Amino acid sequence: MQNGYKCEDCEVAIWPATTRSELSWLKDRVHVVREVAKHSHGGLDMWIAEGLEFLNEHQGHSIITVTKR
């Protein structure tokens, strides 16, 4: 089973290698993660970087957390 984000406006989805709860955490705290990313020299976990990029690209759109088998 994979978890990811789907933009309902664009019909685009991504499937970062992480759990549904971590994806929900990122979506709920994206403003904090953006600030941390600005000051992080060691880099972010790959799933966070991938998820943040998707959320930034689809900012203002309807984003849902989805699961596929």
PDB file of N, CA and C in Angstrom:
ATOM      1  N   MET A   1       0.839  -1.158   0.000  1.00  0.00           N
ATOM      2  CA  MET A   1       0.000   0.000   0.000  1.00  0.00           C
ATOM      3  C   MET A   1       0.900   1.241   0.000  1.00  0.00           C
ATOM      4  N   GLN A   2       0.560   2.226  -0.825  1.00  0.00           N
ATOM      5  CA  GLN A   2       1.304   3.481  -0.897  1.00  0.00           C
ATOM      6  C   GLN A   2       0.397   4.646  -0.514  1.00  0.00           C
ATOM      7  N   ASN A   3       1.001   5.644   0.080  1.00  0.00           N
ATOM      8  CA  ASN A   3       0.282   6.852   0.461  1.00  0.00           C
ATOM      9  C   ASN A   3       0.894   8.026  -0.276  1.00  0.00           C
ATOM     10  N   GLY A   4       0.070   9.005  -0.584  1.00  0.00           N
ATOM     11  CA  GLY A   4       0.588  10.155  -1.301  1.00  0.00           C
ATOM     12  C   GLY A   4      -0.336  11.341  -1.224  1.00  0.00           C
ATOM     13  N   TYR A   5      -0.014  12.326  -2.036  1.00  0.00           N
ATOM     14  CA  TYR A   5      -0.834  13.527  -2.179  1.00  0.00           C
ATOM     15  C   TYR A   5      -1.438  13.537  -3.569  1.00  0.00           C
ATOM     16  N   LYS A   6      -2.636  14.078  -3.658  1.00  0.00           N
ATOM     17  CA  LYS A   6      -3.282  14.266  -4.956  1.00  0.00           C
ATOM     18  C   LYS A   6      -3.851  15.681  -5.001  1.00  0.00           C
ATOM     19  N   CYS A   7      -3.561  16.387  -6.083  1.00  0.00           N
ATOM     20  CA  CYS A   7      -4.142  17.701  -6.308  1.00  0.00           C
ATOM     21  C   CYS A   7      -5.442  17.482  -7.068  1.00  0.00           C
ATOM     22  N   GLU A   8      -6.546  17.812  -6.431  1.00  0.00           N
ATOM     23  CA  GLU A   8      -7.847  17.613  -7.064  1.00  0.00           C
ATOM     24  C   GLU A   8      -8.061  18.577  -8.227  1.00  0.00           C
ATOM     25  N   ASP A   9      -7.388  19.718  -8.216  1.00  0.00           N
ATOM     26  CA  ASP A   9      -7.535  20.685  -9.298  1.00  0.00           C
ATOM     27  C   ASP A   9      -6.802  20.226 -10.562  1.00  0.00           C
ATOM     28  N   CYS A  10      -5.588  19.705 -10.390  1.00  0.00           N
ATOM     29  CA  CYS A  10      -4.741  19.319 -11.532  1.00  0.00           C
ATOM     30  C   CYS A  10      -4.801  17.828 -11.862  1.00  0.00           C
ATOM     31  N   GLU A  11      -5.368  17.022 -10.951  1.00  0.00           N
ATOM     32  CA  GLU A  11      -5.412  15.560 -11.111  1.00  0.00           C
ATOM     33  C   GLU A  11      -4.013  14.943 -11.171  1.00  0.00           C
ATOM     34  N   VAL A  12      -3.071  15.507 -10.414  1.00  0.00           N
ATOM     35  CA  VAL A  12      -1.695  15.022 -10.348  1.00  0.00           C
ATOM     36  C   VAL A  12      -1.482  14.444  -8.957  1.00  0.00           C
ATOM     37  N   ALA A  13      -0.737  13.330  -8.880  1.00  0.00           N
ATOM     38  CA  ALA A  13      -0.451  12.712  -7.583  1.00  0.00           C
ATOM     39  C   ALA A  13       1.028  12.375  -7.481  1.00  0.00           C
ATOM     40  N   ILE A  14       1.527  12.317  -6.244  1.00  0.00           N
ATOM     41  CA  ILE A  14       2.878  11.827  -5.966  1.00  0.00           C
ATOM     42  C   ILE A  14       2.777  10.796  -4.857  1.00  0.00           C
ATOM     43  N   TRP A  15       3.788   9.941  -4.767  1.00  0.00           N
ATOM     44  CA  TRP A  15       3.775   8.847  -3.803  1.00  0.00           C
ATOM     45  C   TRP A  15       5.108   8.782  -3.055  1.00  0.00           C
ATOM     46  N   PRO A  16       5.378   9.736  -2.154  1.00  0.00           N
ATOM     47  CA  PRO A  16       6.628   9.690  -1.384  1.00  0.00           C
ATOM     48  C   PRO A  16       6.679   8.439  -0.511  1.00  0.00           C
ATOM     49  N   ALA A  17       7.869   7.973  -0.254  1.00  0.00           N
ATOM     50  CA  ALA A  17       8.055   6.761   0.548  1.00  0.00           C
ATOM     51  C   ALA A  17       7.949   7.099   2.031  1.00  0.00           C
ATOM     52  N   THR A  18       6.704   7.201   2.519  1.00  0.00           N
ATOM     53  CA  THR A  18       6.463   7.484   3.929  1.00  0.00           C
ATOM     54  C   THR A  18       5.042   7.066   4.296  1.00  0.00           C
ATOM     55  N   THR A  19       4.684   7.300   5.527  1.00  0.00           N
ATOM     56  CA  THR A  19       3.364   6.887   6.016  1.00  0.00           C
ATOM     57  C   THR A  19       2.312   7.972   5.793  1.00  0.00           C
ATOM     58  N   ARG A  20       1.069   7.571   5.865  1.00  0.00           N
ATOM     59  CA  ARG A  20      -0.051   8.514   5.725  1.00  0.00           C
ATOM     60  C   ARG A  20      -0.021   9.561   6.847  1.00  0.00           C
ATOM     61  N   SER A  21       0.315   9.130   8.050  1.00  0.00           N
ATOM     62  CA  SER A  21       0.342  10.074   9.168  1.00  0.00           C
ATOM     63  C   SER A  21       1.438  11.123   8.979  1.00  0.00           C
ATOM     64  N   GLU A  22       2.582  10.744   8.438  1.00  0.00           N
ATOM     65  CA  GLU A  22       3.641  11.720   8.180  1.00  0.00           C
ATOM     66  C   GLU A  22       3.240  12.693   7.069  1.00  0.00           C
ATOM     67  N   LEU A  23       2.523  12.206   6.056  1.00  0.00           N
ATOM     68  CA  LEU A  23       2.042  13.097   4.996  1.00  0.00           C
ATOM     69  C   LEU A  23       1.027  14.094   5.549  1.00  0.00           C
ATOM     70  N   SER A  24       0.150  13.635   6.408  1.00  0.00           N
ATOM     71  CA  SER A  24      -0.817  14.531   7.047  1.00  0.00           C
ATOM     72  C   SER A  24      -0.098  15.554   7.911  1.00  0.00           C
ATOM     73  N   TRP A  25       0.925  15.098   8.649  1.00  0.00           N
ATOM     74  CA  TRP A  25       1.714  15.997   9.480  1.00  0.00           C
ATOM     75  C   TRP A  25       2.328  17.099   8.630  1.00  0.00           C
ATOM     76  N   LEU A  26       2.953  16.741   7.501  1.00  0.00           N
ATOM     77  CA  LEU A  26       3.590  17.726   6.625  1.00  0.00           C
ATOM     78  C   LEU A  26       2.574  18.716   6.074  1.00  0.00           C
ATOM     79  N   LYS A  27       1.459  18.217   5.593  1.00  0.00           N
ATOM     80  CA  LYS A  27       0.427  19.092   5.016  1.00  0.00           C
ATOM     81  C   LYS A  27      -0.107  20.071   6.063  1.00  0.00           C
ATOM     82  N   ASP A  28      -0.289  19.602   7.288  1.00  0.00           N
ATOM     83  CA  ASP A  28      -0.823  20.447   8.355  1.00  0.00           C
ATOM     84  C   ASP A  28       0.190  21.482   8.857  1.00  0.00           C
ATOM     85  N   ARG A  29       1.479  21.234   8.619  1.00  0.00           N
ATOM     86  CA  ARG A  29       2.526  22.110   9.145  1.00  0.00           C
ATOM     87  C   ARG A  29       3.436  22.656   8.046  1.00  0.00           C
ATOM     88  N   VAL A  30       2.932  22.729   6.825  1.00  0.00           N
ATOM     89  CA  VAL A  30       3.764  23.116   5.686  1.00  0.00           C
ATOM     90  C   VAL A  30       4.421  24.476   5.901  1.00  0.00           C
ATOM     91  N   HIS A  31       3.757  25.405   6.560  1.00  0.00           N
ATOM     92  CA  HIS A  31       4.354  26.721   6.794  1.00  0.00           C
ATOM     93  C   HIS A  31       5.594  26.621   7.690  1.00  0.00           C
ATOM     94  N   VAL A  32       5.578  25.723   8.661  1.00  0.00           N
ATOM     95  CA  VAL A  32       6.728  25.526   9.539  1.00  0.00           C
ATOM     96  C   VAL A  32       7.858  24.846   8.771  1.00  0.00           C
ATOM     97  N   VAL A  33       7.523  23.836   7.984  1.00  0.00           N
ATOM     98  CA  VAL A  33       8.529  23.093   7.220  1.00  0.00           C
ATOM     99  C   VAL A  33       9.202  24.003   6.196  1.00  0.00           C
ATOM    100  N   ARG A  34       8.456  24.920   5.594  1.00  0.00           N
ATOM    101  CA  ARG A  34       9.063  25.874   4.655  1.00  0.00           C
ATOM    102  C   ARG A  34      10.130  26.712   5.350  1.00  0.00           C
ATOM    103  N   GLU A  35       9.844  27.151   6.564  1.00  0.00           N
ATOM    104  CA  GLU A  35      10.826  27.944   7.317  1.00  0.00           C
ATOM    105  C   GLU A  35      12.053  27.104   7.668  1.00  0.00           C
ATOM    106  N   VAL A  36      11.843  25.890   8.109  1.00  0.00           N
ATOM    107  CA  VAL A  36      12.964  25.009   8.449  1.00  0.00           C
ATOM    108  C   VAL A  36      13.820  24.755   7.212  1.00  0.00           C
ATOM    109  N   ALA A  37      13.185  24.527   6.060  1.00  0.00           N
ATOM    110  CA  ALA A  37      13.919  24.254   4.814  1.00  0.00           C
ATOM    111  C   ALA A  37      14.824  25.423   4.431  1.00  0.00           C
ATOM    112  N   LYS A  38      14.382  26.638   4.711  1.00  0.00           N
ATOM    113  CA  LYS A  38      15.194  27.817   4.385  1.00  0.00           C
ATOM    114  C   LYS A  38      16.505  27.842   5.171  1.00  0.00           C
ATOM    115  N   HIS A  39      16.488  27.262   6.364  1.00  0.00           N
ATOM    116  CA  HIS A  39      17.641  27.339   7.256  1.00  0.00           C
ATOM    117  C   HIS A  39      18.350  26.000   7.437  1.00  0.00           C
ATOM    118  N   SER A  40      17.956  24.997   6.694  1.00  0.00           N
ATOM    119  CA  SER A  40      18.521  23.662   6.854  1.00  0.00           C
ATOM    120  C   SER A  40      19.685  23.456   5.888  1.00  0.00           C
ATOM    121  N   HIS A  41      20.854  23.245   6.458  1.00  0.00           N
ATOM    122  CA  HIS A  41      22.035  23.021   5.629  1.00  0.00           C
ATOM    123  C   HIS A  41      22.294  21.534   5.421  1.00  0.00           C
ATOM    124  N   GLY A  42      21.741  20.702   6.285  1.00  0.00           N
ATOM    125  CA  GLY A  42      21.948  19.262   6.183  1.00  0.00           C
ATOM    126  C   GLY A  42      20.935  18.586   5.279  1.00  0.00           C
ATOM    127  N   GLY A  43      19.973  19.342   4.799  1.00  0.00           N
ATOM    128  CA  GLY A  43      18.945  18.773   3.931  1.00  0.00           C
ATOM    129  C   GLY A  43      17.803  18.181   4.731  1.00  0.00           C
ATOM    130  N   LEU A  44      16.702  17.981   4.051  1.00  0.00           N
ATOM    131  CA  LEU A  44      15.516  17.379   4.651  1.00  0.00           C
ATOM    132  C   LEU A  44      15.437  15.923   4.217  1.00  0.00           C
ATOM    133  N   ASP A  45      14.696  15.121   4.980  1.00  0.00           N
ATOM    134  CA  ASP A  45      14.434  13.756   4.529  1.00  0.00           C
ATOM    135  C   ASP A  45      13.831  13.830   3.136  1.00  0.00           C
ATOM    136  N   MET A  46      14.103  12.841   2.313  1.00  0.00           N
ATOM    137  CA  MET A  46      13.657  12.852   0.920  1.00  0.00           C
ATOM    138  C   MET A  46      12.144  12.996   0.804  1.00  0.00           C
ATOM    139  N   TRP A  47      11.388  12.276   1.640  1.00  0.00           N
ATOM    140  CA  TRP A  47       9.928  12.357   1.527  1.00  0.00           C
ATOM    141  C   TRP A  47       9.435  13.752   1.876  1.00  0.00           C
ATOM    142  N   ILE A  48      10.108  14.445   2.809  1.00  0.00           N
ATOM    143  CA  ILE A  48       9.704  15.799   3.165  1.00  0.00           C
ATOM    144  C   ILE A  48       9.998  16.753   2.013  1.00  0.00           C
ATOM    145  N   ALA A  49      11.181  16.645   1.435  1.00  0.00           N
ATOM    146  CA  ALA A  49      11.544  17.510   0.306  1.00  0.00           C
ATOM    147  C   ALA A  49      10.599  17.295  -0.869  1.00  0.00           C
ATOM    148  N   GLU A  50      10.296  16.037  -1.180  1.00  0.00           N
ATOM    149  CA  GLU A  50       9.391  15.717  -2.285  1.00  0.00           C
ATOM    150  C   GLU A  50       7.975  16.237  -2.007  1.00  0.00           C
ATOM    151  N   GLY A  51       7.493  16.004  -0.802  1.00  0.00           N
ATOM    152  CA  GLY A  51       6.164  16.469  -0.436  1.00  0.00           C
ATOM    153  C   GLY A  51       6.066  17.981  -0.418  1.00  0.00           C
ATOM    154  N   LEU A  52       7.092  18.651   0.107  1.00  0.00           N
ATOM    155  CA  LEU A  52       7.104  20.102   0.164  1.00  0.00           C
ATOM    156  C   LEU A  52       7.112  20.701  -1.242  1.00  0.00           C
ATOM    157  N   GLU A  53       7.891  20.129  -2.134  1.00  0.00           N
ATOM    158  CA  GLU A  53       7.918  20.604  -3.522  1.00  0.00           C
ATOM    159  C   GLU A  53       6.533  20.491  -4.157  1.00  0.00           C
ATOM    160  N   PHE A  54       5.859  19.364  -3.951  1.00  0.00           N
ATOM    161  CA  PHE A  54       4.514  19.172  -4.493  1.00  0.00           C
ATOM    162  C   PHE A  54       3.535  20.186  -3.913  1.00  0.00           C
ATOM    163  N   LEU A  55       3.574  20.359  -2.593  1.00  0.00           N
ATOM    164  CA  LEU A  55       2.668  21.299  -1.950  1.00  0.00           C
ATOM    165  C   LEU A  55       2.923  22.731  -2.409  1.00  0.00           C
ATOM    166  N   ASN A  56       4.180  23.083  -2.626  1.00  0.00           N
ATOM    167  CA  ASN A  56       4.507  24.422  -3.124  1.00  0.00           C
ATOM    168  C   ASN A  56       3.988  24.622  -4.546  1.00  0.00           C
ATOM    169  N   GLU A  57       4.142  23.605  -5.390  1.00  0.00           N
ATOM    170  CA  GLU A  57       3.677  23.703  -6.775  1.00  0.00           C
ATOM    171  C   GLU A  57       2.158  23.826  -6.873  1.00  0.00           C
ATOM    172  N   HIS A  58       1.456  23.257  -5.919  1.00  0.00           N
ATOM    173  CA  HIS A  58      -0.007  23.228  -5.952  1.00  0.00           C
ATOM    174  C   HIS A  58      -0.626  24.092  -4.849  1.00  0.00           C
ATOM    175  N   GLN A  59       0.130  25.075  -4.385  1.00  0.00           N
ATOM    176  CA  GLN A  59      -0.349  25.967  -3.327  1.00  0.00           C
ATOM    177  C   GLN A  59      -1.644  26.655  -3.769  1.00  0.00           C
ATOM    178  N   GLY A  60      -2.636  26.635  -2.902  1.00  0.00           N
ATOM    179  CA  GLY A  60      -3.932  27.236  -3.201  1.00  0.00           C
ATOM    180  C   GLY A  60      -4.905  26.261  -3.857  1.00  0.00           C
ATOM    181  N   HIS A  61      -4.423  25.077  -4.211  1.00  0.00           N
ATOM    182  CA  HIS A  61      -5.279  24.042  -4.798  1.00  0.00           C
ATOM    183  C   HIS A  61      -5.814  23.140  -3.688  1.00  0.00           C
ATOM    184  N   SER A  62      -6.784  22.322  -4.043  1.00  0.00           N
ATOM    185  CA  SER A  62      -7.327  21.348  -3.107  1.00  0.00           C
ATOM    186  C   SER A  62      -6.441  20.102  -3.126  1.00  0.00           C
ATOM    187  N   ILE A  63      -5.682  19.888  -2.050  1.00  0.00           N
ATOM    188  CA  ILE A  63      -4.765  18.745  -1.934  1.00  0.00           C
ATOM    189  C   ILE A  63      -5.340  17.766  -0.930  1.00  0.00           C
ATOM    190  N   ILE A  64      -5.401  16.504  -1.323  1.00  0.00           N
ATOM    191  CA  ILE A  64      -5.858  15.469  -0.393  1.00  0.00           C
ATOM    192  C   ILE A  64      -4.772  14.419  -0.225  1.00  0.00           C
ATOM    193  N   THR A  65      -4.811  13.716   0.900  1.00  0.00           N
ATOM    194  CA  THR A  65      -3.915  12.591   1.145  1.00  0.00           C
ATOM    195  C   THR A  65      -4.648  11.342   0.673  1.00  0.00           C
ATOM    196  N   VAL A  66      -3.979  10.544  -0.162  1.00  0.00           N
ATOM    197  CA  VAL A  66      -4.609   9.382  -0.775  1.00  0.00           C
ATOM    198  C   VAL A  66      -3.808   8.113  -0.519  1.00  0.00           C
ATOM    199  N   THR A  67      -4.459   6.971  -0.698  1.00  0.00           N
ATOM    200  CA  THR A  67      -3.822   5.665  -0.547  1.00  0.00           C
ATOM    201  C   THR A  67      -4.160   4.818  -1.758  1.00  0.00           C
ATOM    202  N   LYS A  68      -3.148   4.071  -2.247  1.00  0.00           N
ATOM    203  CA  LYS A  68      -3.399   3.119  -3.336  1.00  0.00           C
ATOM    204  C   LYS A  68      -2.785   1.784  -2.962  1.00  0.00           C
ATOM    205  N   ARG A  69      -3.399   0.749  -3.446  1.00  0.00           N
ATOM    206  CA  ARG A  69      -2.907  -0.625  -3.157  1.00  0.00           C
ATOM    207  C   ARG A  69      -2.087  -1.136  -4.297  1.00  0.00           C
TER     208      ARG A  69
END
